C-alpha atoms as a PDB file:
ATOM      1  CA  MET A   1      39.133  -0.122 -40.861  1.00  0.00           C
ATOM      2  CA  SER A   2      42.142   1.298 -38.494  1.00  0.00           C
ATOM      3  CA  ALA A   3      43.380   0.858 -35.178  1.00  0.00           C
ATOM      4  CA  THR A   4      45.783   1.934 -32.829  1.00  0.00           C
ATOM      5  CA  ARG A   5      47.893   1.080 -29.851  1.00  0.00           C
ATOM      6  CA  LEU A   6      50.068   3.336 -28.444  1.00  0.00           C
ATOM      7  CA  SER A   7      52.164   3.018 -25.069  1.00  0.00           C
ATOM      8  CA  PRO A   8      54.961   4.527 -23.580  1.00  0.00           C
ATOM      9  CA  PRO A   9      57.707   2.312 -22.796  1.00  0.00           C
ATOM     10  CA  PRO A  10      56.881  -0.496 -20.249  1.00  0.00           C
ATOM     11  CA  THR A  11      59.516  -0.088 -18.002  1.00  0.00           C
ATOM     12  CA  TRP A  12      57.163  -1.570 -15.457  1.00  0.00           C
ATOM     13  CA  SER A  13      58.003  -4.618 -16.916  1.00  0.00           C
ATOM     14  CA  TRP A  14      59.613  -7.286 -14.202  1.00  0.00           C
ATOM     15  CA  ASN A  15      63.257  -7.125 -14.962  1.00  0.00           C
ATOM     16  CA  GLU A  16      62.425  -5.661 -18.007  1.00  0.00           C
ATOM     17  CA  TRP A  17      61.641  -8.042 -19.705  1.00  0.00           C
ATOM     18  CA  LEU A  18      59.216  -6.880 -22.499  1.00  0.00           C
ATOM     19  CA  PHE A  19      62.634  -4.529 -23.772  1.00  0.00           C
ATOM     20  CA  ASP A  20      64.460  -7.677 -24.951  1.00  0.00           C
ATOM     21  CA  PRO A  21      63.100  -8.483 -28.378  1.00  0.00           C
ATOM     22  CA  LYS A  22      63.671 -12.435 -27.861  1.00  0.00           C
ATOM     23  CA  LEU A  23      61.486 -12.501 -25.371  1.00  0.00           C
ATOM     24  CA  SER A  24      58.570 -10.550 -25.602  1.00  0.00           C
ATOM     25  CA  GLY A  25      58.680 -10.029 -29.846  1.00  0.00           C
ATOM     26  CA  GLY A  26      58.540  -6.598 -28.991  1.00  0.00           C
ATOM     27  CA  ALA A  27      55.530  -4.204 -29.680  1.00  0.00           C
ATOM     28  CA  VAL A  28      54.437  -6.401 -32.526  1.00  0.00           C
ATOM     29  CA  LEU A  29      54.362  -9.047 -30.517  1.00  0.00           C
ATOM     30  CA  ASP A  30      53.199  -7.588 -27.374  1.00  0.00           C
ATOM     31  CA  LEU A  31      50.512  -4.983 -28.419  1.00  0.00           C
ATOM     32  CA  HIS A  32      50.205  -4.792 -32.441  1.00  0.00           C
ATOM     33  CA  ILE A  33      48.959  -8.399 -31.819  1.00  0.00           C
ATOM     34  CA  HIS A  34      45.545  -7.163 -30.783  1.00  0.00           C
ATOM     35  CA  ASP A  35      44.850  -5.183 -34.046  1.00  0.00           C
ATOM     36  CA  LEU A  36      46.259  -7.349 -36.493  1.00  0.00           C
ATOM     37  CA  ASP A  37      43.880  -9.956 -34.854  1.00  0.00           C
ATOM     38  CA  LEU A  38      40.897  -7.872 -34.264  1.00  0.00           C
ATOM     39  CA  ILE A  39      40.903  -6.681 -38.487  1.00  0.00           C
ATOM     40  CA  ALA A  40      41.352 -10.672 -39.506  1.00  0.00           C
ATOM     41  CA  TRP A  41      38.208 -11.011 -37.234  1.00  0.00           C
ATOM     42  CA  MET A  42      36.161  -8.123 -38.686  1.00  0.00           C
ATOM     43  CA  LEU A  43      37.267  -8.078 -42.085  1.00  0.00           C
ATOM     44  CA  GLY A  44      37.948 -11.737 -42.408  1.00  0.00           C
ATOM     45  CA  LYS A  45      41.414 -13.082 -43.589  1.00  0.00           C
ATOM     46  CA  PRO A  46      44.150 -10.855 -45.640  1.00  0.00           C
ATOM     47  CA  LYS A  47      45.390 -12.497 -48.422  1.00  0.00           C
ATOM     48  CA  ALA A  48      48.842  -9.650 -48.085  1.00  0.00           C
ATOM     49  CA  ILE A  49      50.370  -7.900 -45.532  1.00  0.00           C
ATOM     50  CA  TYR A  50      52.751  -4.550 -45.578  1.00  0.00           C
ATOM     51  CA  ALA A  51      54.582  -2.765 -42.503  1.00  0.00           C
ATOM     52  CA  SER A  52      56.660  -0.455 -41.887  1.00  0.00           C
ATOM     53  CA  GLY A  53      58.211   0.936 -38.657  1.00  0.00           C
ATOM     54  CA  VAL A  54      61.494   1.274 -36.446  1.00  0.00           C
ATOM     55  CA  LYS A  55      63.710  -0.565 -34.566  1.00  0.00           C
ATOM     56  CA  THR A  56      64.735   0.109 -31.006  1.00  0.00           C
ATOM     57  CA  LYS A  57      68.725   0.080 -30.092  1.00  0.00           C
ATOM     58  CA  THR A  58      67.833  -3.407 -28.534  1.00  0.00           C
ATOM     59  CA  GLY A  59      66.599  -5.245 -32.129  1.00  0.00           C
ATOM     60  CA  GLY A  60      62.414  -4.574 -31.170  1.00  0.00           C
ATOM     61  CA  LEU A  61      60.505  -3.402 -33.542  1.00  0.00           C
ATOM     62  CA  ASP A  62      58.677  -1.424 -31.268  1.00  0.00           C
ATOM     63  CA  THR A  63      56.670   1.503 -33.840  1.00  0.00           C
ATOM     64  CA  VAL A  64      55.316  -0.524 -36.505  1.00  0.00           C
ATOM     65  CA  PHE A  65      53.032   0.696 -39.320  1.00  0.00           C
ATOM     66  CA  THR A  66      50.227  -2.168 -41.390  1.00  0.00           C
ATOM     67  CA  THR A  67      48.494  -2.666 -43.520  1.00  0.00           C
ATOM     68  CA  THR A  68      46.180  -5.694 -44.764  1.00  0.00           C
ATOM     69  CA  THR A  69      45.168  -6.035 -48.000  1.00  0.00           C
ATOM     70  CA  GLY A  70      42.730  -8.977 -49.942  1.00  0.00           C
ATOM     71  CA  HIS A  71      39.968  -9.232 -47.308  1.00  0.00           C
ATOM     72  CA  ALA A  72      37.186 -11.355 -48.542  1.00  0.00           C
ATOM     73  CA  GLY A  73      34.972  -7.987 -48.576  1.00  0.00           C
ATOM     74  CA  GLY A  74      37.187  -6.135 -50.321  1.00  0.00           C
ATOM     75  CA  GLY A  75      38.432  -4.149 -46.772  1.00  0.00           C
ATOM     76  CA  VAL A  76      41.477  -2.799 -45.855  1.00  0.00           C
ATOM     77  CA  GLY A  77      42.743  -2.772 -42.359  1.00  0.00           C
ATOM     78  CA  PHE A  78      45.770  -0.402 -41.413  1.00  0.00           C
ATOM     79  CA  ALA A  79      47.025  -1.052 -37.666  1.00  0.00           C
ATOM     80  CA  GLU A  80      49.358   1.159 -36.021  1.00  0.00           C
ATOM     81  CA  GLY A  81      51.522  -0.064 -32.747  1.00  0.00           C
ATOM     82  CA  CYS A  82      54.591   1.815 -30.867  1.00  0.00           C
ATOM     83  CA  LEU A  83      55.857   1.562 -27.245  1.00  0.00           C
ATOM     84  CA  GLU A  84      57.693   4.298 -27.609  1.00  0.00           C
ATOM     85  CA  MET A  85      55.416   7.383 -26.831  1.00  0.00           C
ATOM     86  CA  ALA A  86      56.943   9.278 -24.322  1.00  0.00           C
ATOM     87  CA  ALA A  87      57.119   8.491 -20.712  1.00  0.00           C
ATOM     88  CA  GLU A  88      54.050  10.962 -19.371  1.00  0.00           C
ATOM     89  CA  PHE A  89      52.261   9.965 -23.251  1.00  0.00           C
ATOM     90  CA  PRO A  90      48.514   7.802 -21.975  1.00  0.00           C
ATOM     91  CA  PHE A  91      48.039   4.336 -23.122  1.00  0.00           C
ATOM     92  CA  THR A  92      45.808   4.716 -25.967  1.00  0.00           C
ATOM     93  CA  MET A  93      43.547   2.316 -28.064  1.00  0.00           C
ATOM     94  CA  GLY A  94      41.656   3.321 -31.183  1.00  0.00           C
ATOM     95  CA  LEU A  95      39.552   1.667 -34.201  1.00  0.00           C
ATOM     96  CA  LYS A  96      37.814   3.651 -36.567  1.00  0.00           C
ATOM     97  CA  ILE A  97      35.311   1.462 -39.009  1.00  0.00           C
ATOM     98  CA  HIS A  98      34.292   3.172 -42.159  1.00  0.00           C
ATOM     99  CA  LEU A  99      31.236   1.392 -43.315  1.00  0.00           C
ATOM    100  CA  GLU A 100      28.626   2.066 -46.356  1.00  0.00           C
ATOM    101  CA  GLY A 101      26.062   2.884 -43.611  1.00  0.00           C
ATOM    102  CA  GLY A 102      28.134   5.183 -41.351  1.00  0.00           C
ATOM    103  CA  THR A 103      31.692   5.412 -39.508  1.00  0.00           C
ATOM    104  CA  ILE A 104      32.458   3.778 -36.053  1.00  0.00           C
ATOM    105  CA  GLU A 105      34.660   5.222 -33.765  1.00  0.00           C
ATOM    106  CA  PHE A 106      35.889   3.635 -30.150  1.00  0.00           C
ATOM    107  CA  SER A 107      38.634   6.111 -28.384  1.00  0.00           C
ATOM    108  CA  SER A 108      40.582   4.962 -25.011  1.00  0.00           C
ATOM    109  CA  ARG A 109      41.019   8.192 -24.679  1.00  0.00           C
ATOM    110  CA  LEU A 110      37.173  10.278 -25.400  1.00  0.00           C
ATOM    111  CA  ALA A 111      34.334   9.840 -22.872  1.00  0.00           C
ATOM    112  CA  PRO A 112      32.005   8.536 -23.786  1.00  0.00           C
ATOM    113  CA  SER A 113      34.656   6.149 -26.049  1.00  0.00           C
ATOM    114  CA  VAL A 114      32.039   5.245 -28.772  1.00  0.00           C
ATOM    115  CA  LEU A 115      31.030   7.851 -31.511  1.00  0.00           C
ATOM    116  CA  VAL A 116      28.475   5.824 -34.258  1.00  0.00           C
ATOM    117  CA  ALA A 117      27.694   8.355 -36.984  1.00  0.00           C
ATOM    118  CA  ALA A 118      25.331   7.261 -39.281  1.00  0.00           C
ATOM    119  CA  ALA A 119      25.849   8.375 -43.711  1.00  0.00           C
ATOM    120  CA  ASP A 120      22.522   9.785 -43.637  1.00  0.00           C
ATOM    121  CA  GLY A 121      23.270  12.076 -40.322  1.00  0.00           C
ATOM    122  CA  GLY A 122      22.858  12.115 -36.725  1.00  0.00           C
ATOM    123  CA  VAL A 123      25.628  10.778 -34.032  1.00  0.00           C
ATOM    124  CA  ALA A 124      24.933   8.173 -31.137  1.00  0.00           C
ATOM    125  CA  HIS A 125      27.379   7.325 -28.259  1.00  0.00           C
ATOM    126  CA  PRO A 126      26.295   3.628 -27.120  1.00  0.00           C
ATOM    127  CA  GLU A 127      26.864   2.189 -23.904  1.00  0.00           C
ATOM    128  CA  VAL A 128      29.791   0.036 -23.804  1.00  0.00           C
ATOM    129  CA  PRO A 129      28.913  -2.779 -20.867  1.00  0.00           C
ATOM    130  CA  GLN A 130      31.814  -3.270 -18.310  1.00  0.00           C
ATOM    131  CA  PRO A 131      33.522  -6.420 -17.683  1.00  0.00           C
ATOM    132  CA  GLU A 132      32.025  -7.464 -13.891  1.00  0.00           C
ATOM    133  CA  VAL A 133      35.710  -8.101 -11.996  1.00  0.00           C
ATOM    134  CA  PRO A 134      35.519  -8.901  -8.321  1.00  0.00           C
ATOM    135  CA  SER A 135      37.339  -7.318  -6.193  1.00  0.00           C
ATOM    136  CA  VAL A 136      41.529  -8.085  -4.918  1.00  0.00           C
ATOM    137  CA  GLY A 137      40.221 -10.133  -2.055  1.00  0.00           C
ATOM    138  CA  SER A 138      37.411 -12.614  -3.792  1.00  0.00           C
ATOM    139  CA  ALA A 139      39.701 -13.153  -7.166  1.00  0.00           C
ATOM    140  CA  GLY A 140      42.130 -14.979  -4.765  1.00  0.00           C
ATOM    141  CA  THR A 141      44.997 -12.668  -5.905  1.00  0.00           C
ATOM    142  CA  ALA A 142      47.305  -9.420  -5.030  1.00  0.00           C
ATOM    143  CA  GLY A 143      48.277  -6.789  -7.420  1.00  0.00           C
ATOM    144  CA  ASN A 144      46.383  -4.744  -9.313  1.00  0.00           C
ATOM    145  CA  ILE A 145      44.589  -7.276 -11.354  1.00  0.00           C
ATOM    146  CA  GLU A 146      40.833  -5.652 -10.869  1.00  0.00           C
ATOM    147  CA  ALA A 147      41.664  -2.676 -12.604  1.00  0.00           C
ATOM    148  CA  LEU A 148      42.608  -4.754 -15.980  1.00  0.00           C
ATOM    149  CA  GLY A 149      38.583  -5.279 -16.696  1.00  0.00           C
ATOM    150  CA  GLY A 150      38.893  -7.122 -19.868  1.00  0.00           C
ATOM    151  CA  TYR A 151      42.580  -8.667 -19.247  1.00  0.00           C
ATOM    152  CA  PHE A 152      40.778 -10.150 -15.527  1.00  0.00           C
ATOM    153  CA  VAL A 153      38.296 -11.813 -17.825  1.00  0.00           C
ATOM    154  CA  GLU A 154      39.864 -13.312 -20.486  1.00  0.00           C
ATOM    155  CA  VAL A 155      42.740 -14.619 -18.011  1.00  0.00           C
ATOM    156  CA  ASN A 156      39.963 -16.288 -15.523  1.00  0.00           C
ATOM    157  CA  TYR A 157      37.944 -17.508 -18.960  1.00  0.00           C
ATOM    158  CA  PHE A 158      41.531 -19.418 -19.851  1.00  0.00           C
ATOM    159  CA  VAL A 159      41.860 -20.823 -16.848  1.00  0.00           C
ATOM    160  CA  ASP A 160      38.218 -22.478 -16.237  1.00  0.00           C
ATOM    161  CA  CYS A 161      38.913 -23.610 -19.588  1.00  0.00           C
ATOM    162  CA  LEU A 162      41.686 -25.542 -18.333  1.00  0.00           C
ATOM    163  CA  ASP A 163      40.323 -26.226 -14.523  1.00  0.00           C
ATOM    164  CA  LYS A 164      37.391 -28.339 -16.620  1.00  0.00           C
ATOM    165  CA  GLY A 165      39.179 -29.745 -19.587  1.00  0.00           C
ATOM    166  CA  GLU A 166      37.736 -28.081 -22.208  1.00  0.00           C
ATOM    167  CA  LYS A 167      38.978 -26.371 -25.187  1.00  0.00           C
ATOM    168  CA  PRO A 168      38.447 -22.634 -25.533  1.00  0.00           C
ATOM    169  CA  ALA A 169      35.542 -21.111 -27.667  1.00  0.00           C
ATOM    170  CA  THR A 170      35.680 -17.728 -27.433  1.00  0.00           C
ATOM    171  CA  VAL A 171      39.384 -17.760 -29.325  1.00  0.00           C
ATOM    172  CA  THR A 172      40.491 -20.967 -30.576  1.00  0.00           C
ATOM    173  CA  ALA A 173      44.141 -22.001 -30.856  1.00  0.00           C
ATOM    174  CA  GLU A 174      43.859 -21.596 -34.525  1.00  0.00           C
ATOM    175  CA  GLU A 175      42.925 -17.960 -34.013  1.00  0.00           C
ATOM    176  CA  ALA A 176      45.452 -17.204 -31.709  1.00  0.00           C
ATOM    177  CA  LYS A 177      48.107 -19.350 -34.085  1.00  0.00           C
ATOM    178  CA  PHE A 178      47.278 -17.106 -36.936  1.00  0.00           C
ATOM    179  CA  ALA A 179      47.404 -13.728 -35.167  1.00  0.00           C
ATOM    180  CA  VAL A 180      50.860 -14.533 -34.370  1.00  0.00           C
ATOM    181  CA  GLU A 181      51.156 -15.626 -37.969  1.00  0.00           C
ATOM    182  CA  LEU A 182      50.301 -12.085 -38.990  1.00  0.00           C
ATOM    183  CA  CYS A 183      52.711 -10.858 -36.593  1.00  0.00           C
ATOM    184  CA  LEU A 184      55.468 -12.276 -38.163  1.00  0.00           C
ATOM    185  CA  ALA A 185      54.110 -11.744 -41.649  1.00  0.00           C
ATOM    186  CA  ALA A 186      54.449  -8.135 -40.548  1.00  0.00           C
ATOM    187  CA  THR A 187      57.688  -8.452 -39.010  1.00  0.00           C
ATOM    188  CA  ASN A 188      59.141  -9.960 -42.675  1.00  0.00           C
ATOM    189  CA  SER A 189      57.747  -7.093 -44.685  1.00  0.00           C
ATOM    190  CA  MET A 190      59.249  -4.660 -42.676  1.00  0.00           C
ATOM    191  CA  GLU A 191      62.593  -6.274 -42.372  1.00  0.00           C
ATOM    192  CA  SER A 192      62.629  -7.092 -46.559  1.00  0.00           C
ATOM    193  CA  GLY A 193      60.968  -3.732 -47.181  1.00  0.00           C
ATOM    194  CA  LYS A 194      58.121  -5.904 -49.375  1.00  0.00           C
ATOM    195  CA  VAL A 195      54.531  -7.150 -49.523  1.00  0.00           C
ATOM    196  CA  VAL A 196      53.915 -10.598 -47.612  1.00  0.00           C
ATOM    197  CA  THR A 197      51.860 -13.330 -48.961  1.00  0.00           C
ATOM    198  CA  LEU A 198      49.525 -14.884 -47.186  1.00  0.00           C
END
């Protein structure tokens, strides 16, 4: 399984706080976390992680390549994350999963965005359901949150859990903590040049 998440520098961030690794954690904790979390969710928790990358002048690990191994089913994960693409490069998310029965690919830059190729032949492009997001007025907010689709749904779910006094069940605090641990292990591996066992 391999995942890619690439972005131009986040110049849109308030007071450019995303450029300060002490505040944002750099690309590892800002965007790479989503792919490391997905790999662990789909393949199971890895036993080892190895990462290499490039730090920016501010010290942020903003280009990172991470390999995960020791997943229960024998799978191997790879993730690439970067917040240093050229300004005109479009934000890109991608995922490839190689299975015994075929290959699945998702790319935010392709239409259709999902391809399923069976090992015995044939290609399908299943339709991906889109989250229902209220308009700005009915969301009770300003800005462009309605254009964020899934992000709005995630934040709305979390706020609903808080309002109801319920623990989130879709993504637990323990799962989120493990995703952060993966990112810290990747950073440790990159800085030490060694495989980190989990």
